[in-house]
Amino acid sequence: MTADPGTGIGPAGGALRVDAFLLAGQFPGAGHGDALRAAVTYAQAAERAGFDGVWLAEHHFVTYGTCPSAVAMAGFVLGRTHRLRVGTAAANLSNRHPVALAEEAALLDAVSGGRFDLGVARGGPWVDLEVFGTGLDRYSPDGFAEALDVLLATLGGAGTVRGEGARFGFRTVPVVPRPPRALPVWVAATSPSTVDLAAGRGLPLLLGVHDTDTGKADLILRHAQPGAGHVSAHLAYVADTTAQAEDVLRDTLPTWLARAGEHVRIDGTTTTRNLADYVEHLLAIHPVGPPDRCVRRLAGTLTGTGVRRVLLMVEAGGTPERTIRNIDRFGAEVLPVLRRLPAAAQPPAGQR
């Protein structure tokens, strides 16, 4: 099953879009339900503050992010907002049947009036694959590619889908609800192989928070489709001074990031990371500090990568009060200035 190379392209070029990136992370003193309810509140605050959209993360069996279904959470957030686009960053395709995921995406597109954006990920070799019964084969490059092609065929607008691959073999069935057009799909990419897979299908990238602008620019160059609508994620925290912002995040980030180490591989091993070094890395490359510094950092990303859509990871303050204040200040003091910059209004010269 081969997807149309033009299928799934998101907004290409054009004016800057700034979205919030919500993980529903669990911080000290909060329960799982607290974190999830807070994320909904943050989405509503982002709408009031003038953000263009929100994207929701998905994790299983860890408290780094307490949302196990970005699609289900997106449906709830769509119902609690009026203007925002709501996306998944990202739904784990290796754990899901691609037709079922496509049906849910088409449903949300229909009931929201076209405000839903679907981002998918290959994920990791986590125990999730064992629990949900998909296994390491679905995580393999070939398994992910086949699932992605079935997903794209279901969302392509043809009205029917048939599975003819090694992993997905089924008769032709109608797609209900039928998308009125080919729905856009983004692919979370941290490796060259996933970039190549996305590029071969004409799909834009979701670029992670860990990478530098240079690293992201290299992946975009490898993708070799200028103006494809790539999205770049960034840690974001605004305060009166750089020192104030960094002091807060040096206090909150290690505890939160340590929760990512709760991921267990299917072979039973876990991951480790030097958290102090990683925190300093994030502080050095992302919009953290007073408004003018945040503007400069984001403008540098626009210039250096050519992306026109950025996701701001706004929860790192560690409390609902700090997070709401962070969202409000970005909306009032950063986004208006950023959007007025000439570089934010059009792609770089090489991509026009």
C-alpha atoms as a PDB file:
ATOM      1  CA  MET A   1       0.000   0.000   0.000  1.00  0.00           C
ATOM      2  CA  THR A   2       1.606   3.253  -1.117  1.00  0.00           C
ATOM      3  CA  ALA A   3       0.507   6.704  -0.033  1.00  0.00           C
ATOM      4  CA  ASP A   4       0.307   9.624  -2.413  1.00  0.00           C
ATOM      5  CA  PRO A   5       3.535  11.582  -1.827  1.00  0.00           C
ATOM      6  CA  GLY A   6       1.457  14.742  -1.578  1.00  0.00           C
ATOM      7  CA  THR A   7      -0.864  13.380   1.094  1.00  0.00           C
ATOM      8  CA  GLY A   8      -0.743  14.816   4.567  1.00  0.00           C
ATOM      9  CA  ILE A   9       1.218  18.017   4.042  1.00  0.00           C
ATOM     10  CA  GLY A  10       0.453  20.493   6.803  1.00  0.00           C
ATOM     11  CA  PRO A  11       0.506  24.275   6.506  1.00  0.00           C
ATOM     12  CA  ALA A  12       3.438  25.148   4.243  1.00  0.00           C
ATOM     13  CA  GLY A  13       5.355  28.391   4.582  1.00  0.00           C
ATOM     14  CA  GLY A  14       3.174  31.333   5.472  1.00  0.00           C
ATOM     15  CA  ALA A  15       2.878  33.266   8.698  1.00  0.00           C
ATOM     16  CA  LEU A  16       4.186  32.123  12.046  1.00  0.00           C
ATOM     17  CA  ARG A  17       2.025  29.863  14.237  1.00  0.00           C
ATOM     18  CA  VAL A  18       2.757  29.465  17.939  1.00  0.00           C
ATOM     19  CA  ASP A  19       1.196  26.596  19.878  1.00  0.00           C
ATOM     20  CA  ALA A  20       1.463  25.322  23.443  1.00  0.00           C
ATOM     21  CA  PHE A  21       2.865  21.840  24.019  1.00  0.00           C
ATOM     22  CA  LEU A  22       1.235  20.059  26.976  1.00  0.00           C
ATOM     23  CA  LEU A  23       2.497  16.848  28.543  1.00  0.00           C
ATOM     24  CA  ALA A  24       0.218  16.736  31.615  1.00  0.00           C
ATOM     25  CA  GLY A  25       3.364  16.133  33.625  1.00  0.00           C
ATOM     26  CA  GLN A  26       3.079  15.128  37.267  1.00  0.00           C
ATOM     27  CA  PHE A  27       4.889  17.443  39.672  1.00  0.00           C
ATOM     28  CA  PRO A  28       5.321  17.037  43.443  1.00  0.00           C
ATOM     29  CA  GLY A  29       2.087  17.465  45.356  1.00  0.00           C
ATOM     30  CA  ALA A  30      -0.180  16.614  42.407  1.00  0.00           C
ATOM     31  CA  GLY A  31      -1.941  13.380  41.520  1.00  0.00           C
ATOM     32  CA  HIS A  32      -2.542  11.936  38.067  1.00  0.00           C
ATOM     33  CA  GLY A  33      -6.006  13.471  37.811  1.00  0.00           C
ATOM     34  CA  ASP A  34      -4.664  16.830  38.981  1.00  0.00           C
ATOM     35  CA  ALA A  35      -2.109  16.825  36.171  1.00  0.00           C
ATOM     36  CA  LEU A  36      -4.689  15.939  33.536  1.00  0.00           C
ATOM     37  CA  ARG A  37      -7.214  18.527  34.689  1.00  0.00           C
ATOM     38  CA  ALA A  38      -4.475  21.140  34.869  1.00  0.00           C
ATOM     39  CA  ALA A  39      -3.529  20.439  31.239  1.00  0.00           C
ATOM     40  CA  VAL A  40      -7.085  21.221  30.151  1.00  0.00           C
ATOM     41  CA  THR A  41      -6.934  24.463  32.122  1.00  0.00           C
ATOM     42  CA  TYR A  42      -3.624  25.324  30.435  1.00  0.00           C
ATOM     43  CA  ALA A  43      -5.156  24.756  27.000  1.00  0.00           C
ATOM     44  CA  GLN A  44      -7.991  27.131  27.820  1.00  0.00           C
ATOM     45  CA  ALA A  45      -5.474  29.678  29.112  1.00  0.00           C
ATOM     46  CA  ALA A  46      -3.481  29.348  25.887  1.00  0.00           C
ATOM     47  CA  GLU A  47      -6.604  30.131  23.873  1.00  0.00           C
ATOM     48  CA  ARG A  48      -7.267  33.241  25.939  1.00  0.00           C
ATOM     49  CA  ALA A  49      -3.617  34.294  25.656  1.00  0.00           C
ATOM     50  CA  GLY A  50      -3.644  34.217  21.855  1.00  0.00           C
ATOM     51  CA  PHE A  51      -1.823  30.981  21.095  1.00  0.00           C
ATOM     52  CA  ASP A  52      -2.800  29.413  17.777  1.00  0.00           C
ATOM     53  CA  GLY A  53      -3.136  25.880  19.080  1.00  0.00           C
ATOM     54  CA  VAL A  54      -2.097  23.215  21.562  1.00  0.00           C
ATOM     55  CA  TRP A  55      -0.457  19.846  21.011  1.00  0.00           C
ATOM     56  CA  LEU A  56      -0.810  17.006  23.502  1.00  0.00           C
ATOM     57  CA  ALA A  57       1.763  14.370  24.360  1.00  0.00           C
ATOM     58  CA  GLU A  58       1.075  10.680  24.957  1.00  0.00           C
ATOM     59  CA  HIS A  59       2.889   8.349  27.371  1.00  0.00           C
ATOM     60  CA  HIS A  60       2.177   4.966  28.932  1.00  0.00           C
ATOM     61  CA  PHE A  61       3.097   3.728  32.406  1.00  0.00           C
ATOM     62  CA  VAL A  62       5.147   6.801  33.374  1.00  0.00           C
ATOM     63  CA  THR A  63       4.367  10.018  35.231  1.00  0.00           C
ATOM     64  CA  TYR A  64       6.592  12.247  33.090  1.00  0.00           C
ATOM     65  CA  GLY A  65       3.373  12.664  31.120  1.00  0.00           C
ATOM     66  CA  THR A  66       0.155  11.287  32.590  1.00  0.00           C
ATOM     67  CA  CYS A  67      -1.913  11.310  29.366  1.00  0.00           C
ATOM     68  CA  PRO A  68      -2.110   7.785  27.869  1.00  0.00           C
ATOM     69  CA  SER A  69      -4.228   8.846  24.872  1.00  0.00           C
ATOM     70  CA  ALA A  70      -3.447  12.109  23.139  1.00  0.00           C
ATOM     71  CA  VAL A  71      -6.409  11.548  20.812  1.00  0.00           C
ATOM     72  CA  ALA A  72      -8.912  11.138  23.659  1.00  0.00           C
ATOM     73  CA  MET A  73      -7.461  14.165  25.433  1.00  0.00           C
ATOM     74  CA  ALA A  74      -7.627  16.159  22.201  1.00  0.00           C
ATOM     75  CA  GLY A  75     -11.325  15.406  21.898  1.00  0.00           C
ATOM     76  CA  PHE A  76     -11.945  16.781  25.373  1.00  0.00           C
ATOM     77  CA  VAL A  77      -9.821  19.890  24.774  1.00  0.00           C
ATOM     78  CA  LEU A  78     -11.565  20.541  21.459  1.00  0.00           C
ATOM     79  CA  GLY A  79     -14.853  20.505  23.319  1.00  0.00           C
ATOM     80  CA  ARG A  80     -13.579  22.970  25.923  1.00  0.00           C
ATOM     81  CA  THR A  81     -12.121  25.457  23.403  1.00  0.00           C
ATOM     82  CA  HIS A  82     -13.505  27.407  20.470  1.00  0.00           C
ATOM     83  CA  ARG A  83     -10.698  28.650  18.248  1.00  0.00           C
ATOM     84  CA  LEU A  84      -7.579  26.590  18.978  1.00  0.00           C
ATOM     85  CA  ARG A  85      -6.262  23.916  16.697  1.00  0.00           C
ATOM     86  CA  VAL A  86      -5.534  20.818  18.782  1.00  0.00           C
ATOM     87  CA  GLY A  87      -2.911  18.266  17.804  1.00  0.00           C
ATOM     88  CA  THR A  88      -1.224  15.106  19.042  1.00  0.00           C
ATOM     89  CA  ALA A  89       2.535  15.197  19.591  1.00  0.00           C
ATOM     90  CA  ALA A  90       2.385  12.395  19.237  1.00  0.00           C
ATOM     91  CA  ALA A  91       0.032   9.412  19.103  1.00  0.00           C
ATOM     92  CA  ASN A  92       2.131   6.234  19.270  1.00  0.00           C
ATOM     93  CA  LEU A  93       1.361   4.396  16.040  1.00  0.00           C
ATOM     94  CA  SER A  94       3.392   1.347  17.053  1.00  0.00           C
ATOM     95  CA  ASN A  95       0.808   0.621  19.771  1.00  0.00           C
ATOM     96  CA  ARG A  96      -2.314   1.258  17.697  1.00  0.00           C
ATOM     97  CA  HIS A  97      -4.140  -0.237  14.734  1.00  0.00           C
ATOM     98  CA  PRO A  98      -3.742   2.419  12.042  1.00  0.00           C
ATOM     99  CA  VAL A  99      -7.328   2.167  10.796  1.00  0.00           C
ATOM    100  CA  ALA A 100      -8.723   2.648  14.309  1.00  0.00           C
ATOM    101  CA  LEU A 101      -6.469   5.669  14.852  1.00  0.00           C
ATOM    102  CA  ALA A 102      -7.477   7.100  11.480  1.00  0.00           C
ATOM    103  CA  GLU A 103     -11.176   6.688  12.295  1.00  0.00           C
ATOM    104  CA  GLU A 104     -10.703   8.616  15.532  1.00  0.00           C
ATOM    105  CA  ALA A 105      -8.806  11.364  13.712  1.00  0.00           C
ATOM    106  CA  ALA A 106     -11.540  11.643  11.094  1.00  0.00           C
ATOM    107  CA  LEU A 107     -14.147  11.794  13.854  1.00  0.00           C
ATOM    108  CA  LEU A 108     -12.366  14.654  15.640  1.00  0.00           C
ATOM    109  CA  ASP A 109     -11.849  16.497  12.370  1.00  0.00           C
ATOM    110  CA  ALA A 110     -15.581  16.243  11.644  1.00  0.00           C
ATOM    111  CA  VAL A 111     -16.964  17.267  15.031  1.00  0.00           C
ATOM    112  CA  SER A 112     -14.434  20.096  15.530  1.00  0.00           C
ATOM    113  CA  GLY A 113     -14.940  21.708  12.145  1.00  0.00           C
ATOM    114  CA  GLY A 114     -11.409  20.820  11.017  1.00  0.00           C
ATOM    115  CA  ARG A 115      -9.476  21.940  14.133  1.00  0.00           C
ATOM    116  CA  PHE A 116      -7.672  18.636  14.758  1.00  0.00           C
ATOM    117  CA  ASP A 117      -4.072  17.865  13.737  1.00  0.00           C
ATOM    118  CA  LEU A 118      -2.680  14.322  13.909  1.00  0.00           C
ATOM    119  CA  GLY A 119       0.950  13.768  14.784  1.00  0.00           C
ATOM    120  CA  VAL A 120       2.214  10.197  15.074  1.00  0.00           C
ATOM    121  CA  ALA A 121       5.370   8.636  16.453  1.00  0.00           C
ATOM    122  CA  ARG A 122       7.217   5.365  16.154  1.00  0.00           C
ATOM    123  CA  GLY A 123       7.902   5.552  19.894  1.00  0.00           C
ATOM    124  CA  GLY A 124      10.503   3.400  21.589  1.00  0.00           C
ATOM    125  CA  PRO A 125      11.122  -0.292  22.300  1.00  0.00           C
ATOM    126  CA  TRP A 126       9.133   0.088  25.506  1.00  0.00           C
ATOM    127  CA  VAL A 127       7.106  -2.440  27.446  1.00  0.00           C
ATOM    128  CA  ASP A 128       4.036  -0.798  25.893  1.00  0.00           C
ATOM    129  CA  LEU A 129       4.606  -3.049  22.864  1.00  0.00           C
ATOM    130  CA  GLU A 130       4.278  -6.109  25.091  1.00  0.00           C
ATOM    131  CA  VAL A 131       1.277  -4.852  27.031  1.00  0.00           C
ATOM    132  CA  PHE A 132      -0.722  -3.861  23.938  1.00  0.00           C
ATOM    133  CA  GLY A 133       0.313  -6.955  22.005  1.00  0.00           C
ATOM    134  CA  THR A 134       1.861  -5.243  18.990  1.00  0.00           C
ATOM    135  CA  GLY A 135       5.442  -6.355  19.687  1.00  0.00           C
ATOM    136  CA  LEU A 136       8.856  -5.266  18.493  1.00  0.00           C
ATOM    137  CA  ASP A 137       7.973  -6.020  14.867  1.00  0.00           C
ATOM    138  CA  ARG A 138       5.528  -3.106  14.823  1.00  0.00           C
ATOM    139  CA  TYR A 139       8.269  -0.868  16.247  1.00  0.00           C
ATOM    140  CA  SER A 140      10.680  -1.914  13.497  1.00  0.00           C
ATOM    141  CA  PRO A 141      11.193   0.546  10.605  1.00  0.00           C
ATOM    142  CA  ASP A 142       9.281  -1.756   8.257  1.00  0.00           C
ATOM    143  CA  GLY A 143       6.443  -2.223  10.740  1.00  0.00           C
ATOM    144  CA  PHE A 144       6.113   1.501  11.367  1.00  0.00           C
ATOM    145  CA  ALA A 145       6.220   2.231   7.615  1.00  0.00           C
ATOM    146  CA  GLU A 146       3.453  -0.255   6.866  1.00  0.00           C
ATOM    147  CA  ALA A 147       1.238   1.080   9.647  1.00  0.00           C
ATOM    148  CA  LEU A 148       1.837   4.638   8.468  1.00  0.00           C
ATOM    149  CA  ASP A 149       0.838   3.753   4.904  1.00  0.00           C
ATOM    150  CA  VAL A 150      -2.411   2.163   6.113  1.00  0.00           C
ATOM    151  CA  LEU A 151      -3.109   5.259   8.222  1.00  0.00           C
ATOM    152  CA  LEU A 152      -2.524   7.577   5.253  1.00  0.00           C
ATOM    153  CA  ALA A 153      -4.662   5.475   2.948  1.00  0.00           C
ATOM    154  CA  THR A 154      -7.530   5.592   5.457  1.00  0.00           C
ATOM    155  CA  LEU A 155      -7.224   9.375   5.860  1.00  0.00           C
ATOM    156  CA  GLY A 156      -6.673  10.058   2.165  1.00  0.00           C
ATOM    157  CA  GLY A 157     -10.311  10.804   1.362  1.00  0.00           C
ATOM    158  CA  ALA A 158     -10.852   7.910  -1.068  1.00  0.00           C
ATOM    159  CA  GLY A 159     -13.667   6.522   1.062  1.00  0.00           C
ATOM    160  CA  THR A 160     -12.392   2.942   1.266  1.00  0.00           C
ATOM    161  CA  VAL A 161      -9.279   1.211   2.534  1.00  0.00           C
ATOM    162  CA  ARG A 162      -7.764  -2.231   1.990  1.00  0.00           C
ATOM    163  CA  GLY A 163      -4.840  -3.881   3.760  1.00  0.00           C
ATOM    164  CA  GLU A 164      -2.419  -5.816   1.591  1.00  0.00           C
ATOM    165  CA  GLY A 165       0.749  -5.861   3.678  1.00  0.00           C
ATOM    166  CA  ALA A 166       2.520  -8.436   5.805  1.00  0.00           C
ATOM    167  CA  ARG A 167       1.069  -7.055   9.040  1.00  0.00           C
ATOM    168  CA  PHE A 168      -2.226  -5.572   7.903  1.00  0.00           C
ATOM    169  CA  GLY A 169      -4.197  -7.773   5.563  1.00  0.00           C
ATOM    170  CA  PHE A 170      -7.930  -7.121   5.302  1.00  0.00           C
ATOM    171  CA  ARG A 171     -10.689  -6.777   2.707  1.00  0.00           C
ATOM    172  CA  THR A 172     -11.800  -3.439   1.319  1.00  0.00           C
ATOM    173  CA  VAL A 173     -13.988  -1.604   3.828  1.00  0.00           C
ATOM    174  CA  PRO A 174     -15.652   1.825   3.762  1.00  0.00           C
ATOM    175  CA  VAL A 175     -14.118   4.595   5.820  1.00  0.00           C
ATOM    176  CA  VAL A 176     -16.755   6.046   8.149  1.00  0.00           C
ATOM    177  CA  PRO A 177     -16.662   8.924   8.772  1.00  0.00           C
ATOM    178  CA  ARG A 178     -15.094   9.637   5.409  1.00  0.00           C
ATOM    179  CA  PRO A 179     -12.696  12.581   5.544  1.00  0.00           C
ATOM    180  CA  PRO A 180     -13.817  15.316   3.141  1.00  0.00           C
ATOM    181  CA  ARG A 181     -10.167  15.777   2.140  1.00  0.00           C
ATOM    182  CA  ALA A 182      -6.813  14.164   2.820  1.00  0.00           C
ATOM    183  CA  LEU A 183      -6.188  14.926   6.482  1.00  0.00           C
ATOM    184  CA  PRO A 184      -2.699  16.191   7.404  1.00  0.00           C
ATOM    185  CA  VAL A 185      -0.331  13.961   9.356  1.00  0.00           C
ATOM    186  CA  TRP A 186       2.953  14.923  11.059  1.00  0.00           C
ATOM    187  CA  VAL A 187       5.692  12.440  11.979  1.00  0.00           C
ATOM    188  CA  ALA A 188       7.772  12.822  15.145  1.00  0.00           C
ATOM    189  CA  ALA A 189      11.366  12.386  14.025  1.00  0.00           C
ATOM    190  CA  THR A 190      14.637  12.199  15.936  1.00  0.00           C
ATOM    191  CA  SER A 191      16.567   9.881  13.604  1.00  0.00           C
ATOM    192  CA  PRO A 192      17.594  10.052   9.923  1.00  0.00           C
ATOM    193  CA  SER A 193      15.680   6.851   9.127  1.00  0.00           C
ATOM    194  CA  THR A 194      12.395   8.313  10.367  1.00  0.00           C
ATOM    195  CA  VAL A 195      13.081  11.558   8.485  1.00  0.00           C
ATOM    196  CA  ASP A 196      13.601   9.541   5.297  1.00  0.00           C
ATOM    197  CA  LEU A 197      10.378   7.628   5.888  1.00  0.00           C
ATOM    198  CA  ALA A 198       8.419  10.872   6.359  1.00  0.00           C
ATOM    199  CA  ALA A 199      10.046  12.563   3.380  1.00  0.00           C
ATOM    200  CA  GLY A 200       9.216   9.645   1.111  1.00  0.00           C
ATOM    201  CA  ARG A 201       5.552  10.162   1.914  1.00  0.00           C
ATOM    202  CA  GLY A 202       5.592  13.941   1.800  1.00  0.00           C
ATOM    203  CA  LEU A 203       4.892  14.262   5.525  1.00  0.00           C
ATOM    204  CA  PRO A 204       6.179  17.133   7.685  1.00  0.00           C
ATOM    205  CA  LEU A 205       8.204  16.564  10.836  1.00  0.00           C
ATOM    206  CA  LEU A 206       7.585  17.103  14.529  1.00  0.00           C
ATOM    207  CA  LEU A 207      11.036  18.078  15.848  1.00  0.00           C
ATOM    208  CA  GLY A 208      11.795  17.412  19.496  1.00  0.00           C
ATOM    209  CA  VAL A 209      12.769  19.598  22.414  1.00  0.00           C
ATOM    210  CA  HIS A 210      16.149  17.921  22.935  1.00  0.00           C
ATOM    211  CA  ASP A 211      17.755  19.072  19.691  1.00  0.00           C
ATOM    212  CA  THR A 212      19.490  22.328  18.818  1.00  0.00           C
ATOM    213  CA  ASP A 213      18.475  24.579  15.955  1.00  0.00           C
ATOM    214  CA  THR A 214      21.454  23.257  14.007  1.00  0.00           C
ATOM    215  CA  GLY A 215      20.406  19.667  14.594  1.00  0.00           C
ATOM    216  CA  LYS A 216      16.860  20.433  13.519  1.00  0.00           C
ATOM    217  CA  ALA A 217      18.088  22.285  10.441  1.00  0.00           C
ATOM    218  CA  ASP A 218      20.124  19.204   9.489  1.00  0.00           C
ATOM    219  CA  LEU A 219      17.039  16.970   9.728  1.00  0.00           C
ATOM    220  CA  ILE A 220      15.009  19.450   7.669  1.00  0.00           C
ATOM    221  CA  LEU A 221      17.773  19.588   5.057  1.00  0.00           C
ATOM    222  CA  ARG A 222      17.756  15.794   4.896  1.00  0.00           C
ATOM    223  CA  HIS A 223      13.970  15.888   4.452  1.00  0.00           C
ATOM    224  CA  ALA A 224      14.625  18.104   1.409  1.00  0.00           C
ATOM    225  CA  GLN A 225      11.092  19.428   1.021  1.00  0.00           C
ATOM    226  CA  PRO A 226      11.208  23.191   1.740  1.00  0.00           C
ATOM    227  CA  GLY A 227       8.040  24.656   3.188  1.00  0.00           C
ATOM    228  CA  ALA A 228       6.702  21.253   4.225  1.00  0.00           C
ATOM    229  CA  GLY A 229       5.144  22.575   7.433  1.00  0.00           C
ATOM    230  CA  HIS A 230       7.601  21.206   9.992  1.00  0.00           C
ATOM    231  CA  VAL A 231       6.936  21.905  13.673  1.00  0.00           C
ATOM    232  CA  SER A 232       9.655  22.626  16.262  1.00  0.00           C
ATOM    233  CA  ALA A 233       9.216  22.027  20.023  1.00  0.00           C
ATOM    234  CA  HIS A 234      10.884  24.231  22.659  1.00  0.00           C
ATOM    235  CA  LEU A 235      11.091  24.476  26.421  1.00  0.00           C
ATOM    236  CA  ALA A 236       9.647  27.923  27.216  1.00  0.00           C
ATOM    237  CA  TYR A 237       9.661  29.913  30.426  1.00  0.00           C
ATOM    238  CA  VAL A 238       9.480  33.681  30.810  1.00  0.00           C
ATOM    239  CA  ALA A 239      10.517  35.707  33.879  1.00  0.00           C
ATOM    240  CA  ASP A 240      11.790  39.191  34.605  1.00  0.00           C
ATOM    241  CA  THR A 241      15.415  38.085  34.345  1.00  0.00           C
ATOM    242  CA  THR A 242      17.338  35.136  32.929  1.00  0.00           C
ATOM    243  CA  ALA A 243      18.581  34.267  36.402  1.00  0.00           C
ATOM    244  CA  GLN A 244      15.050  34.119  37.810  1.00  0.00           C
ATOM    245  CA  ALA A 245      13.848  31.845  34.996  1.00  0.00           C
ATOM    246  CA  GLU A 246      16.853  29.556  35.213  1.00  0.00           C
ATOM    247  CA  ASP A 247      16.629  29.306  39.012  1.00  0.00           C
ATOM    248  CA  VAL A 248      13.030  28.114  38.772  1.00  0.00           C
ATOM    249  CA  LEU A 249      13.800  25.529  36.086  1.00  0.00           C
ATOM    250  CA  ARG A 250      16.944  24.243  37.779  1.00  0.00           C
ATOM    251  CA  ASP A 251      14.693  23.542  40.748  1.00  0.00           C
ATOM    252  CA  THR A 252      11.761  21.929  38.907  1.00  0.00           C
ATOM    253  CA  LEU A 253      13.201  20.251  35.811  1.00  0.00           C
ATOM    254  CA  PRO A 254      15.399  17.548  37.397  1.00  0.00           C
ATOM    255  CA  THR A 255      12.485  16.032  39.305  1.00  0.00           C
ATOM    256  CA  TRP A 256      10.219  16.140  36.262  1.00  0.00           C
ATOM    257  CA  LEU A 257      12.794  14.874  33.777  1.00  0.00           C
ATOM    258  CA  ALA A 258      13.730  12.046  36.137  1.00  0.00           C
ATOM    259  CA  ARG A 259      10.220  10.693  35.615  1.00  0.00           C
ATOM    260  CA  ALA A 260      11.097  10.008  31.964  1.00  0.00           C
ATOM    261  CA  GLY A 261      13.445   7.371  33.355  1.00  0.00           C
ATOM    262  CA  GLU A 262      10.374   5.380  34.402  1.00  0.00           C
ATOM    263  CA  HIS A 263      10.180   4.076  30.827  1.00  0.00           C
ATOM    264  CA  VAL A 264      10.998   0.359  30.772  1.00  0.00           C
ATOM    265  CA  ARG A 265      12.229  -1.311  27.598  1.00  0.00           C
ATOM    266  CA  ILE A 266      10.660  -4.531  26.448  1.00  0.00           C
ATOM    267  CA  ASP A 267      13.885  -6.306  27.508  1.00  0.00           C
ATOM    268  CA  GLY A 268      13.442  -4.983  31.049  1.00  0.00           C
ATOM    269  CA  THR A 269      16.165  -2.326  30.988  1.00  0.00           C
ATOM    270  CA  THR A 270      15.685   1.367  31.690  1.00  0.00           C
ATOM    271  CA  THR A 271      17.332   4.573  30.523  1.00  0.00           C
ATOM    272  CA  THR A 272      19.618   6.860  32.456  1.00  0.00           C
ATOM    273  CA  ARG A 273      20.698  10.434  31.776  1.00  0.00           C
ATOM    274  CA  ASN A 274      22.868  13.014  33.500  1.00  0.00           C
ATOM    275  CA  LEU A 275      19.997  15.277  34.469  1.00  0.00           C
ATOM    276  CA  ALA A 276      22.121  18.231  35.582  1.00  0.00           C
ATOM    277  CA  ASP A 277      23.885  18.346  32.214  1.00  0.00           C
ATOM    278  CA  TYR A 278      20.630  17.880  30.304  1.00  0.00           C
ATOM    279  CA  VAL A 279      18.950  20.734  32.185  1.00  0.00           C
ATOM    280  CA  GLU A 280      21.864  23.039  31.346  1.00  0.00           C
ATOM    281  CA  HIS A 281      21.634  21.949  27.707  1.00  0.00           C
ATOM    282  CA  LEU A 282      17.934  22.842  27.581  1.00  0.00           C
ATOM    283  CA  LEU A 283      18.481  26.201  29.274  1.00  0.00           C
ATOM    284  CA  ALA A 284      21.213  27.034  26.780  1.00  0.00           C
ATOM    285  CA  ILE A 285      19.162  26.445  23.623  1.00  0.00           C
ATOM    286  CA  HIS A 286      15.563  27.407  24.416  1.00  0.00           C
ATOM    287  CA  PRO A 287      13.482  30.565  25.067  1.00  0.00           C
ATOM    288  CA  VAL A 288      14.069  30.896  28.811  1.00  0.00           C
ATOM    289  CA  GLY A 289      14.387  34.295  30.470  1.00  0.00           C
ATOM    290  CA  PRO A 290      12.958  37.788  29.999  1.00  0.00           C
ATOM    291  CA  PRO A 291      10.598  38.466  27.070  1.00  0.00           C
ATOM    292  CA  ASP A 292      13.226  40.012  24.787  1.00  0.00           C
ATOM    293  CA  ARG A 293      15.523  37.014  25.238  1.00  0.00           C
ATOM    294  CA  CYS A 294      12.648  34.619  24.473  1.00  0.00           C
ATOM    295  CA  VAL A 295      11.881  36.582  21.313  1.00  0.00           C
ATOM    296  CA  ARG A 296      15.523  36.435  20.213  1.00  0.00           C
ATOM    297  CA  ARG A 297      15.757  32.707  20.837  1.00  0.00           C
ATOM    298  CA  LEU A 298      12.592  31.946  18.880  1.00  0.00           C
ATOM    299  CA  ALA A 299      13.538  34.337  16.073  1.00  0.00           C
ATOM    300  CA  GLY A 300      16.838  32.482  15.847  1.00  0.00           C
ATOM    301  CA  THR A 301      14.954  29.222  15.405  1.00  0.00           C
ATOM    302  CA  LEU A 302      12.812  30.707  12.632  1.00  0.00           C
ATOM    303  CA  THR A 303      15.872  31.998  10.813  1.00  0.00           C
ATOM    304  CA  GLY A 304      18.048  28.965  11.412  1.00  0.00           C
ATOM    305  CA  THR A 305      15.553  26.225  10.570  1.00  0.00           C
ATOM    306  CA  GLY A 306      12.907  27.804   8.359  1.00  0.00           C
ATOM    307  CA  VAL A 307      10.058  26.382  10.479  1.00  0.00           C
ATOM    308  CA  ARG A 308       6.902  28.447  10.715  1.00  0.00           C
ATOM    309  CA  ARG A 309       5.233  26.581  13.569  1.00  0.00           C
ATOM    310  CA  VAL A 310       6.680  26.280  17.069  1.00  0.00           C
ATOM    311  CA  LEU A 311       5.455  24.416  20.132  1.00  0.00           C
ATOM    312  CA  LEU A 312       6.167  25.945  23.514  1.00  0.00           C
ATOM    313  CA  MET A 313       6.505  23.458  26.378  1.00  0.00           C
ATOM    314  CA  VAL A 314       5.033  25.711  29.062  1.00  0.00           C
ATOM    315  CA  GLU A 315       4.548  23.449  32.120  1.00  0.00           C
ATOM    316  CA  ALA A 316       8.102  23.396  33.485  1.00  0.00           C
ATOM    317  CA  GLY A 317       7.392  25.961  36.213  1.00  0.00           C
ATOM    318  CA  GLY A 318       6.050  23.059  38.236  1.00  0.00           C
ATOM    319  CA  THR A 319       2.842  24.585  39.648  1.00  0.00           C
ATOM    320  CA  PRO A 320      -0.459  25.602  38.048  1.00  0.00           C
ATOM    321  CA  GLU A 321       0.045  29.192  39.165  1.00  0.00           C
ATOM    322  CA  ARG A 322       3.460  29.473  37.524  1.00  0.00           C
ATOM    323  CA  THR A 323       2.261  27.733  34.365  1.00  0.00           C
ATOM    324  CA  ILE A 324      -0.760  30.000  33.902  1.00  0.00           C
ATOM    325  CA  ARG A 325       1.448  33.024  34.503  1.00  0.00           C
ATOM    326  CA  ASN A 326       3.959  31.683  31.990  1.00  0.00           C
ATOM    327  CA  ILE A 327       1.252  31.211  29.352  1.00  0.00           C
ATOM    328  CA  ASP A 328      -0.190  34.663  30.014  1.00  0.00           C
ATOM    329  CA  ARG A 329       3.190  36.375  29.800  1.00  0.00           C
ATOM    330  CA  PHE A 330       4.117  34.624  26.568  1.00  0.00           C
ATOM    331  CA  GLY A 331       0.786  35.680  25.118  1.00  0.00           C
ATOM    332  CA  ALA A 332       1.125  39.291  26.229  1.00  0.00           C
ATOM    333  CA  GLU A 333       4.874  39.972  26.042  1.00  0.00           C
ATOM    334  CA  VAL A 334       6.467  37.534  23.590  1.00  0.00           C
ATOM    335  CA  LEU A 335       4.052  36.436  20.876  1.00  0.00           C
ATOM    336  CA  PRO A 336       2.972  39.923  19.715  1.00  0.00           C
ATOM    337  CA  VAL A 337       6.607  41.022  19.348  1.00  0.00           C
ATOM    338  CA  LEU A 338       7.621  37.805  17.622  1.00  0.00           C
ATOM    339  CA  ARG A 339       4.763  38.026  15.145  1.00  0.00           C
ATOM    340  CA  ARG A 340       5.746  41.574  14.189  1.00  0.00           C
ATOM    341  CA  LEU A 341       9.256  40.572  13.193  1.00  0.00           C
ATOM    342  CA  PRO A 342       9.724  40.554   9.410  1.00  0.00           C
ATOM    343  CA  ALA A 343      11.399  37.143   9.600  1.00  0.00           C
ATOM    344  CA  ALA A 344       8.264  35.663  11.196  1.00  0.00           C
ATOM    345  CA  ALA A 345       6.036  36.605   8.286  1.00  0.00           C
ATOM    346  CA  GLN A 346       7.636  34.598   5.507  1.00  0.00           C
ATOM    347  CA  PRO A 347       9.957  31.645   4.887  1.00  0.00           C
ATOM    348  CA  PRO A 348      13.710  32.226   4.495  1.00  0.00           C
ATOM    349  CA  ALA A 349      14.868  33.263   1.027  1.00  0.00           C
ATOM    350  CA  GLY A 350      15.920  29.729   0.116  1.00  0.00           C
ATOM    351  CA  GLN A 351      12.437  28.359   0.841  1.00  0.00           C
ATOM    352  CA  ARG A 352      10.176  30.959  -0.834  1.00  0.00           C
END
